Amino acid sequence: MNLGTLIVGPREHVVAVAELDDTAAAELGPLLRDTARVVETLCRPEQTYVCTWSHGRDARKHLHIAVQPVTAEVRARYGGLRSEQLQARMLADGDEPDITEVEQFCERARELFRAITDSSAEDRI
């Protein structure tokens, strides 16, 4: 996937959203919102995709939720494709972002997640 894509996954082995227990389900909404905020703040995409993936070779494997920034530049690089066609082409092409850029993005994302967490904690006090 492109630079800025973050993956959210449950700690316990779960293969579908329908299998989440009440605690995990209650945590998922705010976590996805915060993840999308991080992606949107750092990448400024025209669109942020949030989609579930659980495919193994022959059966569901483990739940992953991709939070992916999609910019005009990304769409242009892949011939204007959108949605699942864009993601399929990206995966098939095997293009990977530069590791240094990934590390830099991850550090900025960690800082922003910390700021969001700290802000949420202050709101609860």
Protein backbone atom coordinates (compact mmCIF):
# COMPACT_ATOMS: atom_id res chain seq x y z
CA MET A 1 0.00 0.00 0.00
CA ASN A 2 1.02 3.61 -0.27
CA LEU A 3 2.86 5.70 2.29
CA GLY A 4 0.57 6.65 5.14
CA THR A 5 -1.54 3.49 5.16
CA LEU A 6 -2.00 2.21 8.70
CA ILE A 7 -3.39 -1.17 9.70
CA VAL A 8 -5.61 -1.64 12.75
CA GLY A 9 -6.05 -5.15 14.09
CA PRO A 10 -7.46 -6.74 17.22
CA ARG A 11 -5.05 -8.10 19.80
CA GLU A 12 -7.00 -11.36 20.06
CA HIS A 13 -7.30 -13.70 17.10
CA VAL A 14 -10.48 -12.62 15.32
CA VAL A 15 -11.35 -13.14 11.67
CA ALA A 16 -14.38 -10.84 11.34
CA VAL A 17 -15.85 -7.71 12.89
CA ALA A 18 -18.85 -9.85 13.88
CA GLU A 19 -16.56 -11.85 16.20
CA LEU A 20 -15.37 -8.89 18.28
CA ASP A 21 -16.32 -9.03 21.93
CA ASP A 22 -18.08 -6.04 23.49
CA THR A 23 -14.88 -4.49 24.81
CA ALA A 24 -13.04 -4.74 21.49
CA ALA A 25 -16.08 -3.43 19.61
CA ALA A 26 -16.34 -0.44 21.96
CA GLU A 27 -12.64 0.34 21.48
CA LEU A 28 -12.70 -0.05 17.71
CA GLY A 29 -14.75 3.04 16.81
CA PRO A 30 -12.59 5.59 18.64
CA LEU A 31 -9.40 3.83 17.49
CA LEU A 32 -10.48 3.95 13.83
CA ARG A 33 -11.48 7.61 14.22
CA ASP A 34 -8.12 8.49 15.75
CA THR A 35 -6.24 6.49 13.11
CA ALA A 36 -8.12 8.28 10.33
CA ARG A 37 -7.34 11.62 12.00
CA VAL A 38 -3.64 10.77 12.05
CA VAL A 39 -3.68 9.72 8.39
CA GLU A 40 -5.64 12.80 7.33
CA THR A 41 -3.48 15.19 9.33
CA LEU A 42 -0.20 13.81 8.01
CA CYS A 43 -1.20 13.00 4.41
CA ARG A 44 -3.96 15.49 3.57
CA PRO A 45 -5.69 13.01 1.24
CA GLU A 46 -8.74 13.73 -0.86
CA GLN A 47 -10.17 10.48 0.50
CA THR A 48 -9.34 8.12 3.35
CA TYR A 49 -10.36 4.51 2.82
CA VAL A 50 -11.25 2.39 5.84
CA CYS A 51 -11.80 -1.22 4.86
CA THR A 52 -11.58 -4.68 6.38
CA TRP A 53 -9.34 -7.46 5.11
CA SER A 54 -9.27 -10.99 6.46
CA HIS A 55 -8.38 -13.18 3.50
CA GLY A 56 -6.07 -16.10 3.89
CA ARG A 57 -5.28 -18.49 1.07
CA ASP A 58 -8.46 -20.55 1.38
CA ALA A 59 -10.32 -19.04 4.35
CA ARG A 60 -10.46 -16.04 6.63
CA LYS A 61 -7.18 -15.57 8.42
CA HIS A 62 -7.07 -12.55 10.78
CA LEU A 63 -8.98 -9.29 10.82
CA HIS A 64 -7.06 -6.27 9.53
CA ILE A 65 -8.58 -2.86 8.94
CA ALA A 66 -6.67 -0.71 6.46
CA VAL A 67 -6.82 3.06 6.91
CA GLN A 68 -5.42 4.33 3.63
CA PRO A 69 -4.88 7.88 2.40
CA VAL A 70 -5.77 8.32 -1.26
CA THR A 71 -4.50 11.47 -2.91
CA ALA A 72 -4.92 12.70 -6.47
CA GLU A 73 -1.25 11.80 -6.98
CA VAL A 74 -1.84 8.19 -5.91
CA ARG A 75 -4.87 7.86 -8.17
CA ALA A 76 -2.98 9.37 -11.11
CA ARG A 77 -0.08 6.97 -10.58
CA TYR A 78 -2.55 4.09 -10.94
CA GLY A 79 -4.48 5.39 -13.93
CA GLY A 80 -7.32 7.00 -12.01
CA LEU A 81 -8.41 3.77 -10.33
CA ARG A 82 -10.43 4.00 -7.12
CA SER A 83 -11.63 1.77 -4.32
CA GLU A 84 -10.93 -1.94 -4.51
CA GLN A 85 -9.54 -1.67 -8.05
CA LEU A 86 -6.91 0.79 -6.82
CA GLN A 87 -5.98 -1.41 -3.86
CA ALA A 88 -5.82 -4.55 -6.01
CA ARG A 89 -3.51 -2.85 -8.52
CA MET A 90 -1.29 -1.49 -5.76
CA LEU A 91 -0.94 -4.94 -4.21
CA ALA A 92 -0.38 -6.63 -7.57
CA ASP A 93 2.29 -4.09 -8.57
CA GLY A 94 4.13 -4.68 -5.30
CA ASP A 95 5.30 -1.09 -5.08
CA GLU A 96 6.60 -0.28 -1.63
CA PRO A 97 7.31 3.16 -0.20
CA ASP A 98 10.88 4.09 0.60
CA ILE A 99 11.83 2.66 4.01
CA THR A 100 13.26 5.99 5.22
CA GLU A 101 9.99 7.74 4.36
CA VAL A 102 8.06 4.98 6.15
CA GLU A 103 10.18 5.39 9.28
CA GLN A 104 9.72 9.17 9.21
CA PHE A 105 5.97 8.81 8.73
CA CYS A 106 5.76 6.31 11.60
CA GLU A 107 7.59 8.64 13.96
CA ARG A 108 5.27 11.54 13.10
CA ALA A 109 2.25 9.22 13.45
CA ARG A 110 3.43 8.03 16.89
CA GLU A 111 3.80 11.65 18.04
CA LEU A 112 0.32 12.51 16.78
CA PHE A 113 -1.23 9.41 18.40
CA ARG A 114 0.44 10.43 21.69
CA ALA A 115 -0.99 13.94 21.39
CA ILE A 116 -4.47 12.55 20.67
CA THR A 117 -4.22 10.13 23.61
CA ASP A 118 -3.00 12.87 25.95
CA SER A 119 -5.81 15.18 24.81
CA SER A 120 -8.42 12.44 25.36
CA ALA A 121 -7.07 11.75 28.84
CA GLU A 122 -7.29 15.44 29.74
CA ASP A 123 -10.91 15.55 28.53
CA ARG A 124 -11.81 12.71 30.93
CA ILE A 125 -10.36 14.48 33.99
